[in-house]
Amino acid sequence: MTNFKKWVIASRPRTLLAAVVPVMAGSALAVHKGRFYFTYSFVALLCSLLIQIGTNFTNDLYDFIKGADTEQRKGPLRVLASGLVSIKEMKAAVFIVFAAAFLLGMYLVYAGGTLIFVIGVLSIIAGLAYTAGPYPLAYNGLGDIFVFLFFGVVGTMGTYYIHTQEITLLAFIISIPVGALITDILVVNNFRDIEEDKTSNKYTLAVKIGKSFTRYQFILLLGLSFIVPLILFVFYNFNFWILLPWVTLPLAGNLIKMLYTLEGIQLNKTLELTAKFSALFGLLFSFGIIL
């Protein structure tokens, strides 16, 4: 296997949609307000992707060190656990990717000011703290909150702020389905790995609340995502195009069915489709905001 392919696998490309959707939704709202700048969104997207990749590298590194990634793993290939990359190489990669995100983000600081600097630094720290440090978020049931906040609220509102220098309730409301659906990707991942994570002392929220309530969590986040466009239509005078994401309701129903009928490795397909669903919903939602 080539070095390039190893690092592509390590970046977990199927998860990178989670970095695209918040920038897309925040940019769509900026377009709606007539205050959109392409360069700002493009650089914000690059930074978001780098932070997501850095978080994935850190996750791979510390899950391996802590023994959470084993040969019995049900999920996709992990480069450290499979021996494709060394610990030293992964530590270097984590540093390089987060450093690149920081340096590139300085352009956004120039555009958006001190608040963007704070958001960027906190995002990098949170990416590291997800599985590293004395109290790793993913190992203590806080991963879901981290994802909702940083890939939903912070990512969406931060993108909008770069364009407008405004923090608004509307931007927060628009961030809710973004965060909810990206969190659902993690929910499926953790649901699949409940038994393995218990053995590894990785106490995700799914481990803490069990399979039944994890399914309810998945459904609740889906439902919340579909309610938000209706709120925007009724209370914020968006036209009927804001309801465009509702065409994905049958797909959402299929994901729920899969979560109740599939187990183990079979859930990898559910994970992939949940990520694609998040991207499709986000795309339609963004179009609805603009139109």
C-alpha atoms as a PDB file:
ATOM      1  CA  MET A   1       0.000   0.000   0.000  1.00  0.00           C
ATOM      2  CA  THR A   2       1.359   3.440  -0.945  1.00  0.00           C
ATOM      3  CA  ASN A   3       1.996   6.100   1.697  1.00  0.00           C
ATOM      4  CA  PHE A   4      -0.621   8.323   0.082  1.00  0.00           C
ATOM      5  CA  LYS A   5      -3.288   5.645   0.346  1.00  0.00           C
ATOM      6  CA  LYS A   6      -2.373   4.971   3.986  1.00  0.00           C
ATOM      7  CA  TRP A   7      -2.933   8.591   4.923  1.00  0.00           C
ATOM      8  CA  VAL A   8      -6.138   8.795   2.911  1.00  0.00           C
ATOM      9  CA  ILE A   9      -7.450   5.837   4.918  1.00  0.00           C
ATOM     10  CA  ALA A  10      -6.251   7.460   8.161  1.00  0.00           C
ATOM     11  CA  SER A  11      -8.120  10.667   7.317  1.00  0.00           C
ATOM     12  CA  ARG A  12     -11.393   8.685   7.213  1.00  0.00           C
ATOM     13  CA  PRO A  13     -12.751  10.348   4.049  1.00  0.00           C
ATOM     14  CA  ARG A  14     -16.321   9.219   4.691  1.00  0.00           C
ATOM     15  CA  THR A  15     -16.393  11.316   7.863  1.00  0.00           C
ATOM     16  CA  LEU A  16     -15.178  14.489   6.143  1.00  0.00           C
ATOM     17  CA  LEU A  17     -18.700  15.407   5.047  1.00  0.00           C
ATOM     18  CA  ALA A  18     -19.133  16.437   8.680  1.00  0.00           C
ATOM     19  CA  ALA A  19     -16.634  19.236   8.071  1.00  0.00           C
ATOM     20  CA  VAL A  20     -18.366  20.458   4.906  1.00  0.00           C
ATOM     21  CA  VAL A  21     -21.984  20.816   6.061  1.00  0.00           C
ATOM     22  CA  PRO A  22     -21.533  23.505   8.777  1.00  0.00           C
ATOM     23  CA  VAL A  23     -19.522  25.709   6.419  1.00  0.00           C
ATOM     24  CA  MET A  24     -22.128  25.170   3.715  1.00  0.00           C
ATOM     25  CA  ALA A  25     -25.049  26.089   5.989  1.00  0.00           C
ATOM     26  CA  GLY A  26     -23.309  29.136   7.504  1.00  0.00           C
ATOM     27  CA  SER A  27     -22.345  30.342   4.032  1.00  0.00           C
ATOM     28  CA  ALA A  28     -25.909  29.840   2.772  1.00  0.00           C
ATOM     29  CA  LEU A  29     -27.218  32.115   5.508  1.00  0.00           C
ATOM     30  CA  ALA A  30     -24.604  34.719   4.574  1.00  0.00           C
ATOM     31  CA  VAL A  31     -25.816  34.526   0.954  1.00  0.00           C
ATOM     32  CA  HIS A  32     -29.398  34.911   2.190  1.00  0.00           C
ATOM     33  CA  LYS A  33     -28.359  38.082   4.002  1.00  0.00           C
ATOM     34  CA  GLY A  34     -26.458  39.367   0.949  1.00  0.00           C
ATOM     35  CA  ARG A  35     -23.098  39.370   2.735  1.00  0.00           C
ATOM     36  CA  PHE A  36     -21.240  36.396   1.282  1.00  0.00           C
ATOM     37  CA  TYR A  37     -17.519  36.329   0.420  1.00  0.00           C
ATOM     38  CA  PHE A  38     -16.329  33.220  -1.417  1.00  0.00           C
ATOM     39  CA  THR A  39     -12.735  33.388  -0.156  1.00  0.00           C
ATOM     40  CA  TYR A  40     -13.858  33.408   3.484  1.00  0.00           C
ATOM     41  CA  SER A  41     -15.965  30.267   2.990  1.00  0.00           C
ATOM     42  CA  PHE A  42     -13.256  28.507   0.992  1.00  0.00           C
ATOM     43  CA  VAL A  43     -10.606  29.051   3.670  1.00  0.00           C
ATOM     44  CA  ALA A  44     -13.103  28.170   6.418  1.00  0.00           C
ATOM     45  CA  LEU A  45     -13.817  24.896   4.600  1.00  0.00           C
ATOM     46  CA  LEU A  46     -10.118  24.052   4.374  1.00  0.00           C
ATOM     47  CA  CYS A  47      -9.656  24.773   8.087  1.00  0.00           C
ATOM     48  CA  SER A  48     -12.716  22.704   8.969  1.00  0.00           C
ATOM     49  CA  LEU A  49     -11.431  19.765   6.919  1.00  0.00           C
ATOM     50  CA  LEU A  50      -7.980  19.989   8.489  1.00  0.00           C
ATOM     51  CA  ILE A  51      -9.425  20.065  12.016  1.00  0.00           C
ATOM     52  CA  GLN A  52     -11.614  17.056  11.189  1.00  0.00           C
ATOM     53  CA  ILE A  53      -8.618  15.160   9.788  1.00  0.00           C
ATOM     54  CA  GLY A  54      -6.488  16.133  12.784  1.00  0.00           C
ATOM     55  CA  THR A  55      -9.218  14.902  15.116  1.00  0.00           C
ATOM     56  CA  ASN A  56      -9.425  11.617  13.200  1.00  0.00           C
ATOM     57  CA  PHE A  57      -5.638  11.164  13.391  1.00  0.00           C
ATOM     58  CA  THR A  58      -5.708  11.877  17.139  1.00  0.00           C
ATOM     59  CA  ASN A  59      -8.576   9.442  17.580  1.00  0.00           C
ATOM     60  CA  ASP A  60      -6.670   6.737  15.697  1.00  0.00           C
ATOM     61  CA  LEU A  61      -3.544   7.393  17.768  1.00  0.00           C
ATOM     62  CA  TYR A  62      -5.051   7.378  21.237  1.00  0.00           C
ATOM     63  CA  ASP A  63      -7.606   4.635  20.621  1.00  0.00           C
ATOM     64  CA  PHE A  64      -4.628   2.470  19.645  1.00  0.00           C
ATOM     65  CA  ILE A  65      -2.540   3.544  22.633  1.00  0.00           C
ATOM     66  CA  LYS A  66      -5.445   2.946  25.035  1.00  0.00           C
ATOM     67  CA  GLY A  67      -6.222  -0.436  23.480  1.00  0.00           C
ATOM     68  CA  ALA A  68      -9.655   0.530  22.157  1.00  0.00           C
ATOM     69  CA  ASP A  69      -8.761  -0.528  18.584  1.00  0.00           C
ATOM     70  CA  THR A  70      -8.212  -4.271  18.505  1.00  0.00           C
ATOM     71  CA  GLU A  71      -8.278  -7.080  15.943  1.00  0.00           C
ATOM     72  CA  GLN A  72     -11.932  -7.617  16.885  1.00  0.00           C
ATOM     73  CA  ARG A  73     -12.831  -4.123  15.694  1.00  0.00           C
ATOM     74  CA  LYS A  74     -16.071  -4.037  13.653  1.00  0.00           C
ATOM     75  CA  GLY A  75     -15.450  -0.660  12.040  1.00  0.00           C
ATOM     76  CA  PRO A  76     -13.315   0.297   9.021  1.00  0.00           C
ATOM     77  CA  LEU A  77      -9.543  -0.253   8.920  1.00  0.00           C
ATOM     78  CA  ARG A  78      -7.412   1.768  11.352  1.00  0.00           C
ATOM     79  CA  VAL A  79      -3.857   2.399  10.185  1.00  0.00           C
ATOM     80  CA  LEU A  80      -2.151   2.130  13.572  1.00  0.00           C
ATOM     81  CA  ALA A  81      -3.963  -1.000  14.697  1.00  0.00           C
ATOM     82  CA  SER A  82      -3.184  -2.619  11.337  1.00  0.00           C
ATOM     83  CA  GLY A  83       0.503  -1.654  11.510  1.00  0.00           C
ATOM     84  CA  LEU A  84       0.441   0.567   8.415  1.00  0.00           C
ATOM     85  CA  VAL A  85       1.629   3.635  10.338  1.00  0.00           C
ATOM     86  CA  SER A  86       3.825   3.956  13.438  1.00  0.00           C
ATOM     87  CA  ILE A  87       2.982   5.920  16.574  1.00  0.00           C
ATOM     88  CA  LYS A  88       5.831   8.331  15.819  1.00  0.00           C
ATOM     89  CA  GLU A  89       4.504   8.964  12.296  1.00  0.00           C
ATOM     90  CA  MET A  90       0.986   9.558  13.550  1.00  0.00           C
ATOM     91  CA  LYS A  91       2.114  12.000  16.234  1.00  0.00           C
ATOM     92  CA  ALA A  92       3.993  13.959  13.571  1.00  0.00           C
ATOM     93  CA  ALA A  93       0.927  13.917  11.313  1.00  0.00           C
ATOM     94  CA  VAL A  94      -1.305  15.227  14.109  1.00  0.00           C
ATOM     95  CA  PHE A  95       1.072  18.126  14.699  1.00  0.00           C
ATOM     96  CA  ILE A  96       1.424  18.977  11.000  1.00  0.00           C
ATOM     97  CA  VAL A  97      -2.324  18.926  10.279  1.00  0.00           C
ATOM     98  CA  PHE A  98      -3.336  21.017  13.289  1.00  0.00           C
ATOM     99  CA  ALA A  99      -0.456  23.439  12.641  1.00  0.00           C
ATOM    100  CA  ALA A 100      -1.640  23.842   9.045  1.00  0.00           C
ATOM    101  CA  ALA A 101      -5.188  24.506  10.281  1.00  0.00           C
ATOM    102  CA  PHE A 102      -3.858  27.129  12.712  1.00  0.00           C
ATOM    103  CA  LEU A 103      -1.715  28.922  10.129  1.00  0.00           C
ATOM    104  CA  LEU A 104      -4.438  28.899   7.485  1.00  0.00           C
ATOM    105  CA  GLY A 105      -6.918  30.074  10.091  1.00  0.00           C
ATOM    106  CA  MET A 106      -4.913  33.239  10.676  1.00  0.00           C
ATOM    107  CA  TYR A 107      -6.406  34.565   7.436  1.00  0.00           C
ATOM    108  CA  LEU A 108      -9.852  34.111   8.964  1.00  0.00           C
ATOM    109  CA  VAL A 109      -8.672  35.870  12.120  1.00  0.00           C
ATOM    110  CA  TYR A 110      -7.616  38.786   9.901  1.00  0.00           C
ATOM    111  CA  ALA A 111     -11.112  38.772   8.366  1.00  0.00           C
ATOM    112  CA  GLY A 112     -13.178  38.063  11.467  1.00  0.00           C
ATOM    113  CA  GLY A 113     -11.167  39.289  14.434  1.00  0.00           C
ATOM    114  CA  THR A 114     -10.359  37.965  17.893  1.00  0.00           C
ATOM    115  CA  LEU A 115     -13.473  35.822  18.252  1.00  0.00           C
ATOM    116  CA  ILE A 116     -12.431  33.724  15.250  1.00  0.00           C
ATOM    117  CA  PHE A 117      -9.004  33.201  16.842  1.00  0.00           C
ATOM    118  CA  VAL A 118     -10.663  31.955  20.040  1.00  0.00           C
ATOM    119  CA  ILE A 119     -12.990  29.656  18.073  1.00  0.00           C
ATOM    120  CA  GLY A 120     -10.091  28.229  16.082  1.00  0.00           C
ATOM    121  CA  VAL A 121      -7.897  27.555  19.113  1.00  0.00           C
ATOM    122  CA  LEU A 122     -10.779  25.979  21.045  1.00  0.00           C
ATOM    123  CA  SER A 123     -11.648  23.800  18.051  1.00  0.00           C
ATOM    124  CA  ILE A 124      -8.098  22.471  17.859  1.00  0.00           C
ATOM    125  CA  ILE A 125      -7.961  21.879  21.618  1.00  0.00           C
ATOM    126  CA  ALA A 126     -11.304  20.080  21.487  1.00  0.00           C
ATOM    127  CA  GLY A 127     -10.087  17.964  18.559  1.00  0.00           C
ATOM    128  CA  LEU A 128      -7.133  16.842  20.668  1.00  0.00           C
ATOM    129  CA  ALA A 129      -9.192  16.412  23.824  1.00  0.00           C
ATOM    130  CA  TYR A 130     -11.666  14.138  22.045  1.00  0.00           C
ATOM    131  CA  THR A 131      -9.492  11.095  22.762  1.00  0.00           C
ATOM    132  CA  ALA A 132      -6.296  12.555  24.295  1.00  0.00           C
ATOM    133  CA  GLY A 133      -5.477  14.191  27.625  1.00  0.00           C
ATOM    134  CA  PRO A 134      -6.357  13.324  31.204  1.00  0.00           C
ATOM    135  CA  TYR A 135     -10.123  13.382  30.589  1.00  0.00           C
ATOM    136  CA  PRO A 136     -10.768  12.346  26.955  1.00  0.00           C
ATOM    137  CA  LEU A 137     -14.253  13.395  25.881  1.00  0.00           C
ATOM    138  CA  ALA A 138     -14.989  10.269  23.845  1.00  0.00           C
ATOM    139  CA  TYR A 139     -14.112   8.013  26.803  1.00  0.00           C
ATOM    140  CA  ASN A 140     -16.397   9.841  29.220  1.00  0.00           C
ATOM    141  CA  GLY A 141     -19.686  10.124  27.349  1.00  0.00           C
ATOM    142  CA  LEU A 142     -19.055  13.676  26.123  1.00  0.00           C
ATOM    143  CA  GLY A 143     -18.249  12.957  22.486  1.00  0.00           C
ATOM    144  CA  ASP A 144     -21.811  13.621  21.331  1.00  0.00           C
ATOM    145  CA  ILE A 145     -21.869  17.048  22.971  1.00  0.00           C
ATOM    146  CA  PHE A 146     -18.463  17.882  21.466  1.00  0.00           C
ATOM    147  CA  VAL A 147     -19.630  16.981  17.957  1.00  0.00           C
ATOM    148  CA  PHE A 148     -22.925  18.855  18.258  1.00  0.00           C
ATOM    149  CA  LEU A 149     -21.249  21.998  19.555  1.00  0.00           C
ATOM    150  CA  PHE A 150     -18.162  22.182  17.362  1.00  0.00           C
ATOM    151  CA  PHE A 151     -19.368  20.632  14.113  1.00  0.00           C
ATOM    152  CA  GLY A 152     -22.843  22.094  14.474  1.00  0.00           C
ATOM    153  CA  VAL A 153     -23.165  25.292  16.469  1.00  0.00           C
ATOM    154  CA  VAL A 154     -19.585  26.600  16.330  1.00  0.00           C
ATOM    155  CA  GLY A 155     -18.933  25.563  12.734  1.00  0.00           C
ATOM    156  CA  THR A 156     -22.152  27.044  11.358  1.00  0.00           C
ATOM    157  CA  MET A 157     -22.300  30.198  13.458  1.00  0.00           C
ATOM    158  CA  GLY A 158     -18.558  30.765  13.093  1.00  0.00           C
ATOM    159  CA  THR A 159     -18.784  30.624   9.308  1.00  0.00           C
ATOM    160  CA  TYR A 160     -21.694  33.056   9.326  1.00  0.00           C
ATOM    161  CA  TYR A 161     -19.834  35.366  11.710  1.00  0.00           C
ATOM    162  CA  ILE A 162     -16.785  35.590   9.428  1.00  0.00           C
ATOM    163  CA  HIS A 163     -19.024  37.032   6.711  1.00  0.00           C
ATOM    164  CA  THR A 164     -21.246  39.305   8.797  1.00  0.00           C
ATOM    165  CA  GLN A 165     -19.564  39.945  12.174  1.00  0.00           C
ATOM    166  CA  GLU A 166     -22.921  38.992  13.726  1.00  0.00           C
ATOM    167  CA  ILE A 167     -24.053  36.386  16.256  1.00  0.00           C
ATOM    168  CA  THR A 168     -27.788  35.861  15.817  1.00  0.00           C
ATOM    169  CA  LEU A 169     -30.540  33.566  17.057  1.00  0.00           C
ATOM    170  CA  LEU A 170     -31.319  32.686  13.446  1.00  0.00           C
ATOM    171  CA  ALA A 171     -27.763  31.438  12.883  1.00  0.00           C
ATOM    172  CA  PHE A 172     -28.046  29.316  16.022  1.00  0.00           C
ATOM    173  CA  ILE A 173     -31.349  27.790  14.904  1.00  0.00           C
ATOM    174  CA  ILE A 174     -29.874  26.939  11.505  1.00  0.00           C
ATOM    175  CA  SER A 175     -26.931  25.237  13.236  1.00  0.00           C
ATOM    176  CA  ILE A 176     -29.227  22.815  15.094  1.00  0.00           C
ATOM    177  CA  PRO A 177     -29.998  20.333  12.281  1.00  0.00           C
ATOM    178  CA  VAL A 178     -26.379  20.539  11.162  1.00  0.00           C
ATOM    179  CA  GLY A 179     -25.135  19.518  14.603  1.00  0.00           C
ATOM    180  CA  ALA A 180     -27.908  16.974  15.128  1.00  0.00           C
ATOM    181  CA  LEU A 181     -27.282  15.033  11.930  1.00  0.00           C
ATOM    182  CA  ILE A 182     -23.499  15.063  12.280  1.00  0.00           C
ATOM    183  CA  THR A 183     -23.945  13.814  15.842  1.00  0.00           C
ATOM    184  CA  ASP A 184     -26.093  10.992  14.479  1.00  0.00           C
ATOM    185  CA  ILE A 185     -23.057   9.775  12.525  1.00  0.00           C
ATOM    186  CA  LEU A 186     -21.247   9.367  15.850  1.00  0.00           C
ATOM    187  CA  VAL A 187     -24.331   7.781  17.408  1.00  0.00           C
ATOM    188  CA  VAL A 188     -24.340   4.998  14.802  1.00  0.00           C
ATOM    189  CA  ASN A 189     -20.590   4.499  15.195  1.00  0.00           C
ATOM    190  CA  ASN A 190     -20.855   4.195  18.974  1.00  0.00           C
ATOM    191  CA  PHE A 191     -23.980   2.041  18.758  1.00  0.00           C
ATOM    192  CA  ARG A 192     -22.084  -0.454  16.608  1.00  0.00           C
ATOM    193  CA  ASP A 193     -19.135  -0.516  19.027  1.00  0.00           C
ATOM    194  CA  ILE A 194     -20.978  -0.731  22.366  1.00  0.00           C
ATOM    195  CA  GLU A 195     -19.691  -4.168  23.350  1.00  0.00           C
ATOM    196  CA  GLU A 196     -16.129  -3.528  22.183  1.00  0.00           C
ATOM    197  CA  ASP A 197     -16.032  -0.136  23.907  1.00  0.00           C
ATOM    198  CA  LYS A 198     -17.226  -1.661  27.180  1.00  0.00           C
ATOM    199  CA  THR A 199     -14.340  -4.129  27.040  1.00  0.00           C
ATOM    200  CA  SER A 200     -11.883  -1.285  26.373  1.00  0.00           C
ATOM    201  CA  ASN A 201     -13.289   0.916  29.183  1.00  0.00           C
ATOM    202  CA  LYS A 202     -14.359   3.478  26.595  1.00  0.00           C
ATOM    203  CA  TYR A 203     -17.550   4.820  28.161  1.00  0.00           C
ATOM    204  CA  THR A 204     -19.251   6.534  25.246  1.00  0.00           C
ATOM    205  CA  LEU A 205     -22.761   7.873  25.719  1.00  0.00           C
ATOM    206  CA  ALA A 206     -24.028   4.765  23.906  1.00  0.00           C
ATOM    207  CA  VAL A 207     -22.285   2.558  26.476  1.00  0.00           C
ATOM    208  CA  LYS A 208     -23.750   4.615  29.320  1.00  0.00           C
ATOM    209  CA  ILE A 209     -27.385   4.646  28.111  1.00  0.00           C
ATOM    210  CA  GLY A 210     -27.538   1.285  26.288  1.00  0.00           C
ATOM    211  CA  LYS A 211     -28.824   0.220  22.889  1.00  0.00           C
ATOM    212  CA  SER A 212     -32.503   1.106  23.310  1.00  0.00           C
ATOM    213  CA  PHE A 213     -31.914   4.674  24.434  1.00  0.00           C
ATOM    214  CA  THR A 214     -29.172   5.145  21.819  1.00  0.00           C
ATOM    215  CA  ARG A 215     -31.768   4.322  19.168  1.00  0.00           C
ATOM    216  CA  TYR A 216     -34.121   6.888  20.759  1.00  0.00           C
ATOM    217  CA  GLN A 217     -31.302   9.434  20.703  1.00  0.00           C
ATOM    218  CA  PHE A 218     -30.790   8.811  16.982  1.00  0.00           C
ATOM    219  CA  ILE A 219     -34.512   9.265  16.275  1.00  0.00           C
ATOM    220  CA  LEU A 220     -34.728  12.396  18.450  1.00  0.00           C
ATOM    221  CA  LEU A 221     -31.860  14.068  16.595  1.00  0.00           C
ATOM    222  CA  LEU A 222     -33.423  13.165  13.249  1.00  0.00           C
ATOM    223  CA  GLY A 223     -36.787  14.567  14.340  1.00  0.00           C
ATOM    224  CA  LEU A 224     -35.195  17.769  15.592  1.00  0.00           C
ATOM    225  CA  SER A 225     -33.562  18.254  12.203  1.00  0.00           C
ATOM    226  CA  PHE A 226     -36.888  18.070  10.374  1.00  0.00           C
ATOM    227  CA  ILE A 227     -38.624  20.423  12.825  1.00  0.00           C
ATOM    228  CA  VAL A 228     -36.172  23.294  12.287  1.00  0.00           C
ATOM    229  CA  PRO A 229     -37.117  23.996   8.628  1.00  0.00           C
ATOM    230  CA  LEU A 230     -40.756  24.224   9.712  1.00  0.00           C
ATOM    231  CA  ILE A 231     -39.817  26.714  12.439  1.00  0.00           C
ATOM    232  CA  LEU A 232     -37.955  28.815   9.879  1.00  0.00           C
ATOM    233  CA  PHE A 233     -40.941  28.689   7.501  1.00  0.00           C
ATOM    234  CA  VAL A 234     -43.487  29.696  10.146  1.00  0.00           C
ATOM    235  CA  PHE A 235     -41.564  32.182  12.286  1.00  0.00           C
ATOM    236  CA  TYR A 236     -38.794  33.586  10.058  1.00  0.00           C
ATOM    237  CA  ASN A 237     -40.632  34.182   6.778  1.00  0.00           C
ATOM    238  CA  PHE A 238     -38.535  31.839   4.673  1.00  0.00           C
ATOM    239  CA  ASN A 239     -40.432  30.643   1.601  1.00  0.00           C
ATOM    240  CA  PHE A 240     -41.558  27.070   0.998  1.00  0.00           C
ATOM    241  CA  TRP A 241     -38.123  26.099  -0.380  1.00  0.00           C
ATOM    242  CA  ILE A 242     -36.875  25.925   3.210  1.00  0.00           C
ATOM    243  CA  LEU A 243     -38.927  22.713   3.507  1.00  0.00           C
ATOM    244  CA  LEU A 244     -36.843  21.092   0.747  1.00  0.00           C
ATOM    245  CA  PRO A 245     -35.046  18.770   3.245  1.00  0.00           C
ATOM    246  CA  TRP A 246     -38.390  17.099   3.946  1.00  0.00           C
ATOM    247  CA  VAL A 247     -38.023  15.114   0.713  1.00  0.00           C
ATOM    248  CA  THR A 248     -35.440  13.032   2.611  1.00  0.00           C
ATOM    249  CA  LEU A 249     -38.014  11.740   5.125  1.00  0.00           C
ATOM    250  CA  PRO A 250     -38.204   8.265   3.502  1.00  0.00           C
ATOM    251  CA  LEU A 251     -34.412   8.012   3.717  1.00  0.00           C
ATOM    252  CA  ALA A 252     -34.543   8.935   7.399  1.00  0.00           C
ATOM    253  CA  GLY A 253     -37.126   6.207   7.957  1.00  0.00           C
ATOM    254  CA  ASN A 254     -34.845   3.689   6.269  1.00  0.00           C
ATOM    255  CA  LEU A 255     -31.934   4.660   8.546  1.00  0.00           C
ATOM    256  CA  ILE A 256     -34.119   4.096  11.616  1.00  0.00           C
ATOM    257  CA  LYS A 257     -35.163   0.694  10.270  1.00  0.00           C
ATOM    258  CA  MET A 258     -31.513  -0.244   9.705  1.00  0.00           C
ATOM    259  CA  LEU A 259     -30.600   0.724  13.258  1.00  0.00           C
ATOM    260  CA  TYR A 260     -33.291  -1.640  14.564  1.00  0.00           C
ATOM    261  CA  THR A 261     -32.552  -4.567  12.256  1.00  0.00           C
ATOM    262  CA  LEU A 262     -28.790  -4.633  11.617  1.00  0.00           C
ATOM    263  CA  GLU A 263     -25.953  -5.562  13.957  1.00  0.00           C
ATOM    264  CA  GLY A 264     -22.160  -5.538  14.118  1.00  0.00           C
ATOM    265  CA  ILE A 265     -20.311  -5.107  10.838  1.00  0.00           C
ATOM    266  CA  GLN A 266     -23.630  -4.654   9.012  1.00  0.00           C
ATOM    267  CA  LEU A 267     -23.916  -1.254  10.705  1.00  0.00           C
ATOM    268  CA  ASN A 268     -20.936   0.028   8.707  1.00  0.00           C
ATOM    269  CA  LYS A 269     -23.377   0.505   5.828  1.00  0.00           C
ATOM    270  CA  THR A 270     -25.735   2.391   8.131  1.00  0.00           C
ATOM    271  CA  LEU A 271     -22.832   4.587   9.210  1.00  0.00           C
ATOM    272  CA  GLU A 272     -21.940   5.362   5.595  1.00  0.00           C
ATOM    273  CA  LEU A 273     -25.551   6.146   4.673  1.00  0.00           C
ATOM    274  CA  THR A 274     -26.004   8.335   7.763  1.00  0.00           C
ATOM    275  CA  ALA A 275     -23.001  10.424   6.689  1.00  0.00           C
ATOM    276  CA  LYS A 276     -24.398  10.719   3.163  1.00  0.00           C
ATOM    277  CA  PHE A 277     -27.834  11.578   4.553  1.00  0.00           C
ATOM    278  CA  SER A 278     -26.299  14.363   6.651  1.00  0.00           C
ATOM    279  CA  ALA A 279     -24.629  15.791   3.556  1.00  0.00           C
ATOM    280  CA  LEU A 280     -27.783  15.526   1.410  1.00  0.00           C
ATOM    281  CA  PHE A 281     -29.967  17.116   4.087  1.00  0.00           C
ATOM    282  CA  GLY A 282     -27.367  19.872   4.565  1.00  0.00           C
ATOM    283  CA  LEU A 283     -27.208  20.539   0.822  1.00  0.00           C
ATOM    284  CA  LEU A 284     -30.987  20.757   0.463  1.00  0.00           C
ATOM    285  CA  PHE A 285     -31.221  22.857   3.639  1.00  0.00           C
ATOM    286  CA  SER A 286     -28.607  25.267   2.294  1.00  0.00           C
ATOM    287  CA  PHE A 287     -30.433  25.575  -1.007  1.00  0.00           C
ATOM    288  CA  GLY A 288     -33.649  26.228   0.914  1.00  0.00           C
ATOM    289  CA  ILE A 289     -31.982  29.014   2.882  1.00  0.00           C
ATOM    290  CA  ILE A 290     -30.641  30.659  -0.275  1.00  0.00           C
ATOM    291  CA  LEU A 291     -33.775  30.280  -2.387  1.00  0.00           C
END
